[in-house]
Amino acid sequence: MTSDLLSRNPLFTSPSFQGNSLLNKSIQEGYHSVTPYLSIDGAAQAIEFYKKAFGAQELYRMPAPNDRVGHAEIQIGDSRVMLADEEPSMSSFGPKSVGGTPVRLLIYLEDVDKVF
C-alpha cells in the first residue's frame, strides 16, 4: 500500500527519481533509522548557519514560491537532516510561530572546541 501511494506521488515519479531504488528500500542509503525534519521560518539562512557552524553539506534543495525552501537535505558528519520553510497551510510551523519547540537535536563532534 505504501509503495503504491509513493508511486503516485509526483515528487517520486519526477525525472530526478527515475531509476531510483526509493520504492524498493525501507531505509535509503545514507540515512539512518531516524531522520529529523525541521520546519523553520528562514530555512535558507538556517542551512547557511549549519554549513558554517557544523560543516554541513547541502545535498538537495527544492525551491518554493517567494524564495522559500520547499524541502532541503543537509549532511552533518554521517547524519542527514531534512528541513523546509514553515508552511502554515500544511500545519507545518516553526519554533517562532509556536513560541519555542520541545524538540532537541544532539550533534556529536570530534572536537567541540574547534567548532565553538
C-alpha atoms as a PDB file:
ATOM      1  CA  MET A   1       0.000   0.000   0.000  1.00  0.00           C
ATOM      2  CA  THR A   2       2.737   2.486   0.955  1.00  0.00           C
ATOM      3  CA  SER A   3       4.748   1.882  -2.208  1.00  0.00           C
ATOM      4  CA  ASP A   4       1.556   2.308  -4.257  1.00  0.00           C
ATOM      5  CA  LEU A   5       0.929   5.705  -2.640  1.00  0.00           C
ATOM      6  CA  LEU A   6       4.551   6.735  -3.185  1.00  0.00           C
ATOM      7  CA  SER A   7       4.462   5.628  -6.815  1.00  0.00           C
ATOM      8  CA  ARG A   8       1.530   8.006  -7.437  1.00  0.00           C
ATOM      9  CA  ASN A   9       3.223  10.966  -5.732  1.00  0.00           C
ATOM     10  CA  PRO A  10       4.563  13.436  -8.365  1.00  0.00           C
ATOM     11  CA  LEU A  11       7.729  14.013  -6.307  1.00  0.00           C
ATOM     12  CA  PHE A  12       8.711  10.349  -6.562  1.00  0.00           C
ATOM     13  CA  THR A  13       7.724   9.961 -10.216  1.00  0.00           C
ATOM     14  CA  SER A  14       9.717  13.003 -11.351  1.00  0.00           C
ATOM     15  CA  PRO A  15      12.681  12.531 -13.718  1.00  0.00           C
ATOM     16  CA  SER A  16      15.148  13.073 -10.839  1.00  0.00           C
ATOM     17  CA  PHE A  17      13.816   9.944  -9.169  1.00  0.00           C
ATOM     18  CA  GLN A  18      13.629   7.801 -12.331  1.00  0.00           C
ATOM     19  CA  GLY A  19      15.622   4.632 -11.711  1.00  0.00           C
ATOM     20  CA  ASN A  20      15.983   5.435  -8.013  1.00  0.00           C
ATOM     21  CA  SER A  21      15.538   2.491  -5.695  1.00  0.00           C
ATOM     22  CA  LEU A  22      13.438   4.627  -3.332  1.00  0.00           C
ATOM     23  CA  LEU A  23      10.393   2.397  -3.634  1.00  0.00           C
ATOM     24  CA  ASN A  24      12.417  -0.776  -3.092  1.00  0.00           C
ATOM     25  CA  LYS A  25      14.205   0.023   0.176  1.00  0.00           C
ATOM     26  CA  SER A  26      12.751   0.898   3.545  1.00  0.00           C
ATOM     27  CA  ILE A  27      15.878   2.808   4.664  1.00  0.00           C
ATOM     28  CA  GLN A  28      17.684   4.572   1.846  1.00  0.00           C
ATOM     29  CA  GLU A  29      21.466   4.602   1.557  1.00  0.00           C
ATOM     30  CA  GLY A  30      22.945   7.449   3.568  1.00  0.00           C
ATOM     31  CA  TYR A  31      20.041   7.625   6.007  1.00  0.00           C
ATOM     32  CA  HIS A  32      19.609   6.220   9.497  1.00  0.00           C
ATOM     33  CA  SER A  33      16.510   4.789  11.173  1.00  0.00           C
ATOM     34  CA  VAL A  34      15.553   8.256  12.437  1.00  0.00           C
ATOM     35  CA  THR A  35      15.983  11.395  10.338  1.00  0.00           C
ATOM     36  CA  PRO A  36      14.987  14.758  11.833  1.00  0.00           C
ATOM     37  CA  TYR A  37      12.817  17.077   9.748  1.00  0.00           C
ATOM     38  CA  LEU A  38      12.867  20.738  10.791  1.00  0.00           C
ATOM     39  CA  SER A  39      10.234  23.340   9.937  1.00  0.00           C
ATOM     40  CA  ILE A  40      11.892  26.738  10.107  1.00  0.00           C
ATOM     41  CA  ASP A  41      10.980  30.324   9.294  1.00  0.00           C
ATOM     42  CA  GLY A  42      14.113  31.121   7.295  1.00  0.00           C
ATOM     43  CA  ALA A  43      15.289  27.682   6.150  1.00  0.00           C
ATOM     44  CA  ALA A  44      17.844  29.118   3.688  1.00  0.00           C
ATOM     45  CA  GLN A  45      19.501  31.099   6.473  1.00  0.00           C
ATOM     46  CA  ALA A  46      19.445  28.028   8.724  1.00  0.00           C
ATOM     47  CA  ILE A  47      21.217  25.986   6.040  1.00  0.00           C
ATOM     48  CA  GLU A  48      23.958  28.620   5.801  1.00  0.00           C
ATOM     49  CA  PHE A  49      24.304  28.625   9.599  1.00  0.00           C
ATOM     50  CA  TYR A  50      24.613  24.819   9.708  1.00  0.00           C
ATOM     51  CA  LYS A  51      27.267  24.983   6.980  1.00  0.00           C
ATOM     52  CA  LYS A  52      29.356  27.496   8.921  1.00  0.00           C
ATOM     53  CA  ALA A  53      28.802  26.091  12.413  1.00  0.00           C
ATOM     54  CA  PHE A  54      28.929  22.353  11.742  1.00  0.00           C
ATOM     55  CA  GLY A  55      30.454  21.960   8.289  1.00  0.00           C
ATOM     56  CA  ALA A  56      27.121  20.757   6.897  1.00  0.00           C
ATOM     57  CA  GLN A  57      26.978  19.836   3.242  1.00  0.00           C
ATOM     58  CA  GLU A  58      23.865  20.791   1.316  1.00  0.00           C
ATOM     59  CA  LEU A  59      22.699  17.717  -0.570  1.00  0.00           C
ATOM     60  CA  TYR A  60      19.415  18.847  -2.062  1.00  0.00           C
ATOM     61  CA  ARG A  61      17.173  21.899  -2.177  1.00  0.00           C
ATOM     62  CA  MET A  62      13.725  22.159  -3.724  1.00  0.00           C
ATOM     63  CA  PRO A  63      12.710  25.801  -4.096  1.00  0.00           C
ATOM     64  CA  ALA A  64       9.258  27.020  -3.169  1.00  0.00           C
ATOM     65  CA  PRO A  65       7.490  30.238  -4.194  1.00  0.00           C
ATOM     66  CA  ASN A  66       8.675  33.568  -2.749  1.00  0.00           C
ATOM     67  CA  ASP A  67      12.330  32.475  -2.364  1.00  0.00           C
ATOM     68  CA  ARG A  68      11.419  29.875   0.230  1.00  0.00           C
ATOM     69  CA  VAL A  69      12.711  26.348   0.685  1.00  0.00           C
ATOM     70  CA  GLY A  70      10.102  23.657  -0.028  1.00  0.00           C
ATOM     71  CA  HIS A  71      12.416  20.829   1.039  1.00  0.00           C
ATOM     72  CA  ALA A  72      16.139  20.515   1.640  1.00  0.00           C
ATOM     73  CA  GLU A  73      18.553  17.931   2.915  1.00  0.00           C
ATOM     74  CA  ILE A  74      21.889  18.542   4.570  1.00  0.00           C
ATOM     75  CA  GLN A  75      24.511  16.196   5.912  1.00  0.00           C
ATOM     76  CA  ILE A  76      26.367  16.793   9.174  1.00  0.00           C
ATOM     77  CA  GLY A  77      29.008  14.133   9.696  1.00  0.00           C
ATOM     78  CA  ASP A  78      27.334  10.829   8.855  1.00  0.00           C
ATOM     79  CA  SER A  79      23.776  12.049   9.526  1.00  0.00           C
ATOM     80  CA  ARG A  80      21.204  13.713   7.325  1.00  0.00           C
ATOM     81  CA  VAL A  81      18.757  16.389   8.376  1.00  0.00           C
ATOM     82  CA  MET A  82      15.754  17.436   6.322  1.00  0.00           C
ATOM     83  CA  LEU A  83      14.318  20.915   6.588  1.00  0.00           C
ATOM     84  CA  ALA A  84      11.968  23.367   4.941  1.00  0.00           C
ATOM     85  CA  ASP A  85      10.416  26.738   5.500  1.00  0.00           C
ATOM     86  CA  GLU A  86       7.347  26.507   7.661  1.00  0.00           C
ATOM     87  CA  GLU A  87       4.090  26.170   5.736  1.00  0.00           C
ATOM     88  CA  PRO A  88       1.005  27.005   7.820  1.00  0.00           C
ATOM     89  CA  SER A  89      -1.362  25.727   5.097  1.00  0.00           C
ATOM     90  CA  MET A  90       0.134  22.271   5.727  1.00  0.00           C
ATOM     91  CA  SER A  91       0.152  22.674   9.532  1.00  0.00           C
ATOM     92  CA  SER A  92       3.942  22.921   9.429  1.00  0.00           C
ATOM     93  CA  PHE A  93       5.019  25.569  11.929  1.00  0.00           C
ATOM     94  CA  GLY A  94       8.478  26.587  13.068  1.00  0.00           C
ATOM     95  CA  PRO A  95       9.570  27.477  16.602  1.00  0.00           C
ATOM     96  CA  LYS A  96       8.988  31.235  16.107  1.00  0.00           C
ATOM     97  CA  SER A  97       5.335  30.614  15.258  1.00  0.00           C
ATOM     98  CA  VAL A  98       4.613  28.333  18.199  1.00  0.00           C
ATOM     99  CA  GLY A  99       6.713  30.134  20.813  1.00  0.00           C
ATOM    100  CA  GLY A 100       9.530  27.608  21.073  1.00  0.00           C
ATOM    101  CA  THR A 101       9.921  23.916  20.469  1.00  0.00           C
ATOM    102  CA  PRO A 102      10.039  20.768  22.595  1.00  0.00           C
ATOM    103  CA  VAL A 103      12.472  19.191  20.112  1.00  0.00           C
ATOM    104  CA  ARG A 104      16.191  18.984  20.799  1.00  0.00           C
ATOM    105  CA  LEU A 105      18.881  17.761  18.452  1.00  0.00           C
ATOM    106  CA  LEU A 106      22.132  16.340  19.737  1.00  0.00           C
ATOM    107  CA  ILE A 107      25.088  16.758  17.422  1.00  0.00           C
ATOM    108  CA  TYR A 108      28.219  14.815  18.270  1.00  0.00           C
ATOM    109  CA  LEU A 109      31.505  16.420  17.237  1.00  0.00           C
ATOM    110  CA  GLU A 110      35.058  15.107  17.284  1.00  0.00           C
ATOM    111  CA  ASP A 111      36.339  18.337  18.889  1.00  0.00           C
ATOM    112  CA  VAL A 112      33.701  20.771  20.134  1.00  0.00           C
ATOM    113  CA  ASP A 113      36.384  23.344  20.967  1.00  0.00           C
ATOM    114  CA  LYS A 114      37.283  23.632  17.285  1.00  0.00           C
ATOM    115  CA  VAL A 115      33.665  24.421  16.429  1.00  0.00           C
ATOM    116  CA  PHE A 116      32.804  26.801  19.292  1.00  0.00           C
END
